[in-house]
């Protein structure tokens, strides 16, 4: 049985800590919003967002306090 714990910061070799749940990420193509958990490394401060659920397209569904992080670059598989 595998356990999916918090992300690990490779350079610091420590577990990252959850900084914010329900962190909203906006993907411009197609216009879609994702909710995930933002983790931060206590050593170097690197941040990652993981644990995405199902996407939603209606901005009206965003929580009132949400300020979406907008993707700048797309991830490419190599």
N, C-alpha and C. Protein backbone atom coordinates (compact mmCIF):
# COMPACT_ATOMS: atom_id res chain seq x y z
N UNK A 1 0.85 -1.18 0.00
CA UNK A 1 0.00 0.00 0.00
C UNK A 1 0.89 1.25 0.00
N UNK A 2 0.66 2.15 -0.93
CA UNK A 2 1.48 3.35 -1.01
C UNK A 2 0.85 4.48 -0.21
N UNK A 3 1.70 5.30 0.35
CA UNK A 3 1.25 6.46 1.12
C UNK A 3 1.65 7.71 0.35
N UNK A 4 0.70 8.57 0.11
CA UNK A 4 0.98 9.81 -0.60
C UNK A 4 1.02 10.93 0.42
N UNK A 5 2.20 11.29 0.84
CA UNK A 5 2.37 12.32 1.86
C UNK A 5 2.66 13.66 1.21
N UNK A 6 3.16 14.59 2.02
CA UNK A 6 3.48 15.92 1.48
C UNK A 6 4.66 15.86 0.52
N UNK A 7 4.77 16.84 -0.37
CA UNK A 7 5.91 16.88 -1.28
C UNK A 7 7.22 17.02 -0.51
N UNK A 8 8.29 16.56 -1.15
CA UNK A 8 9.63 16.67 -0.58
C UNK A 8 10.42 17.68 -1.39
N UNK A 9 11.09 18.61 -0.71
CA UNK A 9 11.99 19.54 -1.39
C UNK A 9 13.31 18.80 -1.62
N UNK A 10 13.66 18.59 -2.87
CA UNK A 10 14.86 17.81 -3.19
C UNK A 10 16.14 18.51 -2.73
N UNK A 11 16.35 19.81 -3.02
CA UNK A 11 17.59 20.43 -2.57
C UNK A 11 17.76 20.45 -1.04
N UNK A 12 16.66 20.62 -0.30
CA UNK A 12 16.73 20.71 1.16
C UNK A 12 16.54 19.36 1.85
N UNK A 13 16.00 18.37 1.14
CA UNK A 13 15.73 17.03 1.68
C UNK A 13 14.83 17.08 2.91
N UNK A 14 13.76 17.89 2.82
CA UNK A 14 12.78 17.99 3.91
C UNK A 14 11.37 17.95 3.33
N UNK A 15 10.41 17.55 4.16
CA UNK A 15 9.01 17.61 3.76
C UNK A 15 8.55 19.06 3.70
N UNK A 16 7.78 19.38 2.68
CA UNK A 16 7.20 20.71 2.59
C UNK A 16 5.99 20.77 3.51
N UNK A 17 5.61 21.96 3.93
CA UNK A 17 4.46 22.15 4.82
C UNK A 17 3.33 22.80 4.05
N UNK A 18 2.10 22.36 4.35
CA UNK A 18 0.93 22.94 3.69
C UNK A 18 0.74 24.37 4.19
N UNK A 19 0.73 25.30 3.24
CA UNK A 19 0.58 26.71 3.56
C UNK A 19 -0.84 27.20 3.34
N UNK A 20 -1.54 26.60 2.35
CA UNK A 20 -2.91 27.04 2.06
C UNK A 20 -3.67 25.93 1.35
N UNK A 21 -4.84 25.61 1.87
CA UNK A 21 -5.75 24.67 1.21
C UNK A 21 -6.65 25.47 0.27
N UNK A 22 -7.22 24.78 -0.70
CA UNK A 22 -8.12 25.40 -1.68
C UNK A 22 -7.47 26.59 -2.38
N UNK A 23 -6.20 26.43 -2.75
CA UNK A 23 -5.48 27.45 -3.51
C UNK A 23 -5.94 27.34 -4.96
N UNK A 24 -6.38 28.44 -5.54
CA UNK A 24 -6.95 28.42 -6.89
C UNK A 24 -5.88 28.72 -7.94
N UNK A 25 -5.83 27.88 -8.96
CA UNK A 25 -4.92 28.06 -10.08
C UNK A 25 -5.77 28.19 -11.34
N UNK A 26 -5.48 29.21 -12.14
CA UNK A 26 -6.22 29.44 -13.38
C UNK A 26 -5.37 29.00 -14.57
N UNK A 27 -5.92 28.13 -15.38
CA UNK A 27 -5.26 27.66 -16.60
C UNK A 27 -5.93 28.37 -17.77
N UNK A 28 -5.18 29.21 -18.52
CA UNK A 28 -5.82 30.02 -19.55
C UNK A 28 -6.32 29.25 -20.77
N UNK A 29 -5.77 28.10 -21.05
CA UNK A 29 -6.19 27.38 -22.26
C UNK A 29 -6.53 25.94 -21.95
N UNK A 30 -7.75 25.53 -21.97
CA UNK A 30 -8.93 26.40 -22.03
C UNK A 30 -9.15 27.05 -20.67
N UNK A 31 -9.95 28.07 -20.63
CA UNK A 31 -10.18 28.81 -19.39
C UNK A 31 -10.78 27.89 -18.33
N UNK A 32 -9.93 27.43 -17.43
CA UNK A 32 -10.32 26.46 -16.43
C UNK A 32 -9.68 26.83 -15.10
N UNK A 33 -10.37 26.56 -14.02
CA UNK A 33 -9.84 26.80 -12.67
C UNK A 33 -9.66 25.47 -11.95
N UNK A 34 -8.62 25.39 -11.15
CA UNK A 34 -8.32 24.19 -10.37
C UNK A 34 -8.13 24.60 -8.92
N UNK A 35 -8.53 23.74 -8.01
CA UNK A 35 -8.31 23.98 -6.58
C UNK A 35 -7.33 22.93 -6.09
N UNK A 36 -6.28 23.38 -5.43
CA UNK A 36 -5.26 22.47 -4.91
C UNK A 36 -4.74 22.97 -3.58
N UNK A 37 -3.73 22.31 -3.08
CA UNK A 37 -3.10 22.70 -1.81
C UNK A 37 -1.70 23.23 -2.10
N UNK A 38 -1.39 24.40 -1.53
CA UNK A 38 -0.07 25.00 -1.74
C UNK A 38 0.84 24.61 -0.58
N UNK A 39 1.99 24.05 -0.93
CA UNK A 39 3.00 23.66 0.04
C UNK A 39 4.21 24.55 -0.10
N UNK A 40 4.93 24.75 1.02
CA UNK A 40 6.14 25.58 1.03
C UNK A 40 7.24 24.85 1.76
N UNK A 41 8.45 24.94 1.24
CA UNK A 41 9.61 24.34 1.89
C UNK A 41 10.04 25.25 3.05
N UNK A 42 10.19 24.68 4.26
CA UNK A 42 10.62 25.51 5.39
C UNK A 42 12.08 25.94 5.29
N UNK A 43 12.83 25.29 4.39
CA UNK A 43 14.24 25.64 4.24
C UNK A 43 14.46 26.76 3.24
N UNK A 44 14.12 26.50 1.97
CA UNK A 44 14.42 27.47 0.91
C UNK A 44 13.22 28.33 0.49
N UNK A 45 12.01 27.96 0.94
CA UNK A 45 10.83 28.76 0.61
C UNK A 45 10.18 28.41 -0.72
N UNK A 46 10.70 27.40 -1.42
CA UNK A 46 10.10 26.97 -2.68
C UNK A 46 8.64 26.57 -2.45
N UNK A 47 7.76 26.91 -3.38
CA UNK A 47 6.34 26.56 -3.25
C UNK A 47 5.90 25.69 -4.41
N UNK A 48 4.97 24.76 -4.12
CA UNK A 48 4.35 23.94 -5.14
C UNK A 48 2.86 23.83 -4.82
N UNK A 49 2.06 23.60 -5.86
CA UNK A 49 0.63 23.36 -5.68
C UNK A 49 0.36 21.95 -6.17
N UNK A 50 -0.33 21.15 -5.37
CA UNK A 50 -0.59 19.76 -5.69
C UNK A 50 -1.97 19.37 -5.16
N UNK A 51 -2.40 18.15 -5.45
CA UNK A 51 -3.67 17.66 -4.93
C UNK A 51 -4.88 18.25 -5.61
N UNK A 52 -4.78 18.44 -6.92
CA UNK A 52 -5.88 19.04 -7.66
C UNK A 52 -7.07 18.09 -7.75
N UNK A 53 -8.26 18.66 -7.61
CA UNK A 53 -9.49 17.89 -7.80
C UNK A 53 -9.97 18.10 -9.22
N UNK A 54 -11.25 17.97 -9.42
CA UNK A 54 -11.84 18.17 -10.74
C UNK A 54 -11.81 19.66 -11.09
N UNK A 55 -11.55 19.99 -12.36
CA UNK A 55 -11.54 21.39 -12.76
C UNK A 55 -12.95 21.97 -12.83
N UNK A 56 -13.03 23.29 -12.77
CA UNK A 56 -14.31 23.95 -13.01
C UNK A 56 -14.05 25.16 -13.89
N UNK A 57 -15.01 25.49 -14.74
CA UNK A 57 -14.84 26.55 -15.73
C UNK A 57 -15.57 27.83 -15.37
N UNK A 58 -16.50 27.77 -14.46
CA UNK A 58 -17.31 28.94 -14.12
C UNK A 58 -16.64 29.75 -13.02
N UNK A 59 -16.16 30.95 -13.35
CA UNK A 59 -15.50 31.81 -12.37
C UNK A 59 -16.43 32.20 -11.23
N UNK A 60 -17.73 32.10 -11.45
CA UNK A 60 -18.69 32.43 -10.39
C UNK A 60 -18.60 31.41 -9.25
N UNK A 61 -18.02 30.25 -9.50
CA UNK A 61 -17.88 29.23 -8.46
C UNK A 61 -16.66 29.47 -7.57
N UNK A 62 -15.83 30.46 -7.91
CA UNK A 62 -14.65 30.76 -7.10
C UNK A 62 -15.07 31.30 -5.74
N UNK A 63 -14.36 30.93 -4.68
CA UNK A 63 -14.65 31.54 -3.38
C UNK A 63 -14.42 33.04 -3.45
N UNK A 64 -15.17 33.84 -2.67
CA UNK A 64 -15.03 35.30 -2.73
C UNK A 64 -13.62 35.80 -2.46
N UNK A 65 -12.86 35.08 -1.64
CA UNK A 65 -11.50 35.51 -1.29
C UNK A 65 -10.44 35.01 -2.28
N UNK A 66 -10.86 34.29 -3.31
CA UNK A 66 -9.90 33.68 -4.23
C UNK A 66 -9.25 34.71 -5.14
N UNK A 67 -7.95 34.63 -5.23
CA UNK A 67 -7.18 35.39 -6.19
C UNK A 67 -6.38 34.36 -6.98
N UNK A 68 -6.89 33.95 -8.14
CA UNK A 68 -6.26 32.85 -8.86
C UNK A 68 -4.83 33.14 -9.29
N UNK A 69 -3.99 32.13 -9.17
CA UNK A 69 -2.65 32.17 -9.72
C UNK A 69 -2.79 31.76 -11.17
N UNK A 70 -2.30 32.58 -12.10
CA UNK A 70 -2.44 32.29 -13.53
C UNK A 70 -1.17 31.64 -14.05
N UNK A 71 -1.36 30.53 -14.80
CA UNK A 71 -0.21 29.87 -15.43
C UNK A 71 0.46 30.83 -16.40
N UNK A 72 1.77 30.80 -16.43
CA UNK A 72 2.52 31.58 -17.40
C UNK A 72 3.04 30.64 -18.50
N UNK A 73 3.46 29.45 -18.09
CA UNK A 73 4.01 28.49 -19.04
C UNK A 73 3.23 27.17 -18.90
N UNK A 74 3.09 26.47 -19.98
CA UNK A 74 2.48 25.14 -19.94
C UNK A 74 3.56 24.12 -19.64
N UNK A 75 3.18 23.07 -18.93
CA UNK A 75 4.12 21.99 -18.69
C UNK A 75 4.14 21.09 -19.92
N UNK A 76 5.30 20.65 -20.31
CA UNK A 76 5.42 19.77 -21.46
C UNK A 76 5.99 18.44 -21.02
N UNK A 77 5.44 17.37 -21.54
CA UNK A 77 5.98 16.04 -21.25
C UNK A 77 7.15 15.79 -22.20
N UNK A 78 8.20 15.21 -21.65
CA UNK A 78 9.39 14.89 -22.47
C UNK A 78 9.64 13.42 -22.46
